[in-house]
C-alpha atoms as a PDB file:
ATOM      1  CA  MET A   1       8.716-167.400-202.373  1.00  0.00           C
ATOM      2  CA  ALA A   2       9.678-170.018-199.730  1.00  0.00           C
ATOM      3  CA  GLU A   3       7.661-170.271-196.500  1.00  0.00           C
ATOM      4  CA  THR A   4       9.450-169.576-193.248  1.00  0.00           C
ATOM      5  CA  LYS A   5       8.682-170.740-189.807  1.00  0.00           C
ATOM      6  CA  ASP A   6       7.642-167.277-188.873  1.00  0.00           C
ATOM      7  CA  GLN A   7       4.779-167.184-191.466  1.00  0.00           C
ATOM      8  CA  VAL A   8       1.338-168.380-190.622  1.00  0.00           C
ATOM      9  CA  GLN A   9       1.083-172.117-191.299  1.00  0.00           C
ATOM     10  CA  PRO A  10      -2.052-174.027-192.392  1.00  0.00           C
ATOM     11  CA  ASN A  11      -2.125-175.870-189.078  1.00  0.00           C
ATOM     12  CA  ASP A  12      -2.083-172.665-187.075  1.00  0.00           C
ATOM     13  CA  SER A  13      -5.932-172.545-187.128  1.00  0.00           C
ATOM     14  CA  VAL A  14      -5.855-175.916-185.201  1.00  0.00           C
ATOM     15  CA  LEU A  15      -3.474-174.376-182.563  1.00  0.00           C
ATOM     16  CA  PHE A  16      -5.761-171.297-182.313  1.00  0.00           C
ATOM     17  CA  LYS A  17      -8.845-173.560-181.819  1.00  0.00           C
ATOM     18  CA  ALA A  18      -7.038-175.617-179.216  1.00  0.00           C
ATOM     19  CA  ILE A  19      -5.998-172.699-177.053  1.00  0.00           C
ATOM     20  CA  ALA A  20      -9.346-171.203-177.297  1.00  0.00           C
ATOM     21  CA  SER A  21     -10.954-174.218-175.898  1.00  0.00           C
ATOM     22  CA  TYR A  22     -11.450-174.411-172.166  1.00  0.00           C
ATOM     23  CA  ASN A  23     -11.566-178.128-172.414  1.00  0.00           C
ATOM     24  CA  SER A  24      -8.067-179.663-172.007  1.00  0.00           C
ATOM     25  CA  SER A  25      -9.122-182.999-173.494  1.00  0.00           C
ATOM     26  CA  GLU A  26     -10.415-181.337-176.621  1.00  0.00           C
ATOM     27  CA  SER A  27      -7.192-179.275-176.945  1.00  0.00           C
ATOM     28  CA  ILE A  28      -5.056-182.525-176.660  1.00  0.00           C
ATOM     29  CA  GLU A  29      -7.326-184.209-179.246  1.00  0.00           C
ATOM     30  CA  LEU A  30      -6.828-181.306-181.658  1.00  0.00           C
ATOM     31  CA  LEU A  31      -3.142-181.574-181.093  1.00  0.00           C
ATOM     32  CA  ARG A  32      -3.231-185.207-181.902  1.00  0.00           C
ATOM     33  CA  LEU A  33      -4.442-184.275-185.365  1.00  0.00           C
ATOM     34  CA  CYS A  34      -1.010-182.695-185.811  1.00  0.00           C
ATOM     35  CA  ASP A  35       0.914-185.721-184.390  1.00  0.00           C
ATOM     36  CA  HIS A  36       1.839-183.588-181.275  1.00  0.00           C
ATOM     37  CA  LYS A  37       4.635-181.842-183.027  1.00  0.00           C
ATOM     38  CA  THR A  38       5.312-178.207-182.720  1.00  0.00           C
ATOM     39  CA  GLU A  39       7.134-178.075-186.079  1.00  0.00           C
ATOM     40  CA  HIS A  40       3.634-178.019-187.782  1.00  0.00           C
ATOM     41  CA  PHE A  41       2.973-174.500-186.447  1.00  0.00           C
ATOM     42  CA  SER A  42       4.533-171.090-187.021  1.00  0.00           C
ATOM     43  CA  ASN A  43       6.852-169.589-184.470  1.00  0.00           C
ATOM     44  CA  HIS A  44       4.569-166.597-184.152  1.00  0.00           C
ATOM     45  CA  SER A  45       1.542-168.805-183.329  1.00  0.00           C
ATOM     46  CA  LEU A  46       3.433-171.004-180.965  1.00  0.00           C
ATOM     47  CA  ASN A  47       4.819-167.970-179.037  1.00  0.00           C
ATOM     48  CA  TRP A  48       1.171-166.513-178.856  1.00  0.00           C
ATOM     49  CA  ALA A  49      -0.085-169.965-177.629  1.00  0.00           C
ATOM     50  CA  VAL A  50       2.411-170.197-174.954  1.00  0.00           C
ATOM     51  CA  PHE A  51       1.202-166.900-173.352  1.00  0.00           C
ATOM     52  CA  GLU A  52      -2.452-167.777-173.861  1.00  0.00           C
ATOM     53  CA  ALA A  53      -1.899-171.159-172.214  1.00  0.00           C
ATOM     54  CA  CYS A  54      -0.126-169.392-169.293  1.00  0.00           C
ATOM     55  CA  ASN A  55      -2.986-166.824-168.887  1.00  0.00           C
ATOM     56  CA  LYS A  56      -5.642-169.568-168.978  1.00  0.00           C
ATOM     57  CA  GLY A  57      -3.784-172.158-166.917  1.00  0.00           C
ATOM     58  CA  HIS A  58      -3.826-174.847-169.699  1.00  0.00           C
ATOM     59  CA  ALA A  59      -1.267-177.123-168.008  1.00  0.00           C
ATOM     60  CA  GLU A  60      -1.243-179.970-170.502  1.00  0.00           C
ATOM     61  CA  PHE A  61      -1.239-177.659-173.423  1.00  0.00           C
ATOM     62  CA  LEU A  62       1.619-175.645-172.084  1.00  0.00           C
ATOM     63  CA  GLN A  63       3.511-178.826-171.529  1.00  0.00           C
ATOM     64  CA  PHE A  64       3.106-179.713-175.215  1.00  0.00           C
ATOM     65  CA  LEU A  65       4.273-176.120-176.238  1.00  0.00           C
ATOM     66  CA  LEU A  66       7.375-176.287-173.911  1.00  0.00           C
ATOM     67  CA  GLU A  67       8.534-179.737-174.282  1.00  0.00           C
ATOM     68  CA  ASP A  68      11.430-178.887-176.548  1.00  0.00           C
ATOM     69  CA  GLY A  69      12.522-176.235-174.057  1.00  0.00           C
ATOM     70  CA  SER A  70      12.763-173.461-176.611  1.00  0.00           C
ATOM     71  CA  ARG A  71      10.047-171.325-175.325  1.00  0.00           C
ATOM     72  CA  LEU A  72      10.696-171.702-171.569  1.00  0.00           C
ATOM     73  CA  GLU A  73      12.196-168.138-171.243  1.00  0.00           C
ATOM     74  CA  LEU A  74       9.868-166.485-173.900  1.00  0.00           C
ATOM     75  CA  ARG A  75       8.986-163.010-173.080  1.00  0.00           C
ATOM     76  CA  ASP A  76       5.847-160.999-173.662  1.00  0.00           C
ATOM     77  CA  ASP A  77       5.735-157.270-174.282  1.00  0.00           C
ATOM     78  CA  ASN A  78       6.035-156.524-170.545  1.00  0.00           C
ATOM     79  CA  GLY A  79       9.024-158.924-170.174  1.00  0.00           C
ATOM     80  CA  ASN A  80       7.144-161.645-168.436  1.00  0.00           C
ATOM     81  CA  THR A  81       8.275-165.182-168.857  1.00  0.00           C
ATOM     82  CA  PRO A  82       5.690-168.127-168.593  1.00  0.00           C
ATOM     83  CA  LEU A  83       6.848-168.653-164.960  1.00  0.00           C
ATOM     84  CA  LEU A  84       6.152-164.961-164.074  1.00  0.00           C
ATOM     85  CA  ILE A  85       2.673-165.134-165.518  1.00  0.00           C
ATOM     86  CA  CYS A  86       1.794-168.466-163.947  1.00  0.00           C
ATOM     87  CA  SER A  87       3.193-167.371-160.584  1.00  0.00           C
ATOM     88  CA  ALA A  88       1.152-164.183-160.683  1.00  0.00           C
ATOM     89  CA  LYS A  89      -1.957-166.162-161.568  1.00  0.00           C
ATOM     90  CA  GLY A  90      -1.434-168.738-158.937  1.00  0.00           C
ATOM     91  CA  PHE A  91      -1.204-171.852-161.265  1.00  0.00           C
ATOM     92  CA  LEU A  92       0.729-174.036-158.729  1.00  0.00           C
ATOM     93  CA  ARG A  93       0.783-177.069-160.969  1.00  0.00           C
ATOM     94  CA  ILE A  94       2.322-175.103-163.931  1.00  0.00           C
ATOM     95  CA  VAL A  95       4.803-173.264-161.698  1.00  0.00           C
ATOM     96  CA  GLY A  96       6.090-176.588-160.382  1.00  0.00           C
ATOM     97  CA  ARG A  97       6.335-178.016-163.885  1.00  0.00           C
ATOM     98  CA  LEU A  98       8.077-174.975-165.305  1.00  0.00           C
ATOM     99  CA  LEU A  99      10.600-175.085-162.450  1.00  0.00           C
ATOM    100  CA  ARG A 100      11.267-178.746-163.106  1.00  0.00           C
ATOM    101  CA  LEU A 101      11.836-177.937-166.797  1.00  0.00           C
ATOM    102  CA  GLY A 102      14.574-175.406-165.722  1.00  0.00           C
ATOM    103  CA  ALA A 103      12.775-172.143-165.952  1.00  0.00           C
ATOM    104  CA  ASP A 104      14.840-169.313-164.508  1.00  0.00           C
ATOM    105  CA  VAL A 105      13.326-168.578-161.110  1.00  0.00           C
ATOM    106  CA  ASN A 106      15.100-165.324-160.968  1.00  0.00           C
ATOM    107  CA  ALA A 107      14.112-163.968-164.369  1.00  0.00           C
ATOM    108  CA  LYS A 108      12.938-160.361-164.248  1.00  0.00           C
ATOM    109  CA  ASN A 109      10.228-158.561-166.225  1.00  0.00           C
ATOM    110  CA  ASN A 110      10.441-154.958-167.479  1.00  0.00           C
ATOM    111  CA  ASN A 111       9.766-153.702-164.042  1.00  0.00           C
ATOM    112  CA  GLY A 112      12.448-155.839-162.541  1.00  0.00           C
ATOM    113  CA  ASP A 113      10.010-158.109-160.694  1.00  0.00           C
ATOM    114  CA  THR A 114      10.640-161.797-160.336  1.00  0.00           C
ATOM    115  CA  ALA A 115       8.181-164.680-159.900  1.00  0.00           C
ATOM    116  CA  LEU A 116       8.571-164.386-156.162  1.00  0.00           C
ATOM    117  CA  MET A 117       7.693-160.803-156.261  1.00  0.00           C
ATOM    118  CA  VAL A 118       4.522-161.193-158.284  1.00  0.00           C
ATOM    119  CA  ALA A 119       3.304-164.446-156.539  1.00  0.00           C
ATOM    120  CA  THR A 120       0.379-164.075-154.238  1.00  0.00           C
ATOM    121  CA  SER A 121      -0.794-167.620-153.703  1.00  0.00           C
ATOM    122  CA  ARG A 122       0.800-169.138-150.590  1.00  0.00           C
ATOM    123  CA  ARG A 123       1.312-172.452-152.208  1.00  0.00           C
ATOM    124  CA  VAL A 124       3.007-170.833-155.295  1.00  0.00           C
ATOM    125  CA  ILE A 125       5.254-168.846-153.032  1.00  0.00           C
ATOM    126  CA  GLN A 126       6.129-172.086-151.091  1.00  0.00           C
ATOM    127  CA  CYS A 127       6.960-173.793-154.402  1.00  0.00           C
ATOM    128  CA  LEU A 128       9.221-170.995-155.558  1.00  0.00           C
ATOM    129  CA  LEU A 129      10.943-170.916-152.169  1.00  0.00           C
ATOM    130  CA  GLN A 130      11.865-174.570-152.502  1.00  0.00           C
ATOM    131  CA  ASP A 131      13.890-173.923-155.614  1.00  0.00           C
ATOM    132  CA  SER A 132      17.525-173.724-154.575  1.00  0.00           C
ATOM    133  CA  ARG A 133      18.447-171.271-157.287  1.00  0.00           C
ATOM    134  CA  ILE A 134      16.112-168.464-155.909  1.00  0.00           C
ATOM    135  CA  HIS A 135      17.536-165.137-154.798  1.00  0.00           C
ATOM    136  CA  LEU A 136      15.480-164.092-151.932  1.00  0.00           C
ATOM    137  CA  ASP A 137      16.766-160.581-151.630  1.00  0.00           C
ATOM    138  CA  GLU A 138      16.747-159.677-155.358  1.00  0.00           C
ATOM    139  CA  ARG A 139      15.643-156.086-156.015  1.00  0.00           C
ATOM    140  CA  ASN A 140      13.238-154.704-158.633  1.00  0.00           C
ATOM    141  CA  SER A 141      13.593-151.571-160.634  1.00  0.00           C
ATOM    142  CA  THR A 142      12.257-149.433-157.595  1.00  0.00           C
ATOM    143  CA  GLY A 143      14.636-151.065-155.215  1.00  0.00           C
ATOM    144  CA  ASN A 144      12.196-153.267-153.472  1.00  0.00           C
ATOM    145  CA  THR A 145      12.733-157.007-152.597  1.00  0.00           C
ATOM    146  CA  ALA A 146       9.915-159.484-152.537  1.00  0.00           C
ATOM    147  CA  LEU A 147       9.805-159.001-148.672  1.00  0.00           C
ATOM    148  CA  MET A 148       9.587-155.220-148.944  1.00  0.00           C
ATOM    149  CA  SER A 149       6.786-155.548-151.531  1.00  0.00           C
ATOM    150  CA  ALA A 150       4.917-158.106-149.310  1.00  0.00           C
ATOM    151  CA  ILE A 151       5.149-155.640-146.371  1.00  0.00           C
ATOM    152  CA  GLU A 152       3.946-152.604-148.407  1.00  0.00           C
ATOM    153  CA  THR A 153       0.859-154.630-149.627  1.00  0.00           C
ATOM    154  CA  TYR A 154       0.106-156.104-146.141  1.00  0.00           C
ATOM    155  CA  HIS A 155       0.578-159.655-147.373  1.00  0.00           C
ATOM    156  CA  LEU A 156       1.341-161.114-143.918  1.00  0.00           C
ATOM    157  CA  LYS A 157       1.493-164.736-145.039  1.00  0.00           C
ATOM    158  CA  LYS A 158       3.949-163.952-147.739  1.00  0.00           C
ATOM    159  CA  VAL A 159       6.037-161.967-145.253  1.00  0.00           C
ATOM    160  CA  LYS A 160       6.117-164.877-142.768  1.00  0.00           C
ATOM    161  CA  LEU A 161       7.032-167.279-145.552  1.00  0.00           C
ATOM    162  CA  LEU A 162       9.839-165.065-146.899  1.00  0.00           C
ATOM    163  CA  ILE A 163      11.337-164.454-143.483  1.00  0.00           C
ATOM    164  CA  SER A 164      11.234-168.162-142.652  1.00  0.00           C
ATOM    165  CA  ALA A 165      13.001-168.856-145.807  1.00  0.00           C
ATOM    166  CA  GLY A 166      15.792-166.437-144.937  1.00  0.00           C
ATOM    167  CA  ALA A 167      14.886-163.112-146.595  1.00  0.00           C
ATOM    168  CA  ASN A 168      16.615-160.225-144.907  1.00  0.00           C
ATOM    169  CA  PRO A 169      14.261-158.205-142.911  1.00  0.00           C
ATOM    170  CA  ASN A 170      16.798-155.416-142.344  1.00  0.00           C
ATOM    171  CA  GLN A 171      17.192-154.293-145.942  1.00  0.00           C
ATOM    172  CA  THR A 172      15.964-150.938-146.933  1.00  0.00           C
ATOM    173  CA  ALA A 173      14.973-149.542-150.389  1.00  0.00           C
ATOM    174  CA  ASP A 174      17.729-147.747-152.119  1.00  0.00           C
END
């Protein structure tokens, strides 16, 4: 039986070790053992590693995993993309990198939330607002915009940033 890219590969253990490490230099060194090529790993392991890197804030490791662009819009079980996860966790450097790589700034998760809706860090919010593709008044599955959600959660800095960026303060939930 021929091996497919979806089956666990021998090098997957190196990938698991690298992402489990909290030491970026150690992670990069482990990847050097595999010639910095994602083709040495199974798709399943690469997909898992993308989400682990997002959750842990492993910027260099995530860059390696996303360099071919094929996993930029990968979704977890909740519909979250790498950009949504990193925006929610406040990983500014990674958010900026994902946007430069072309991540969809308006992608929605299963709740209809965008990166702007889940972001709480002032600097991440500012970074997202600088993207010319952003839809400020996009609505989630409950009918709320990022501004409405910020008002409901008393996130005053976010409210100010959104209004300054042009979000419509006169919209009401459907």
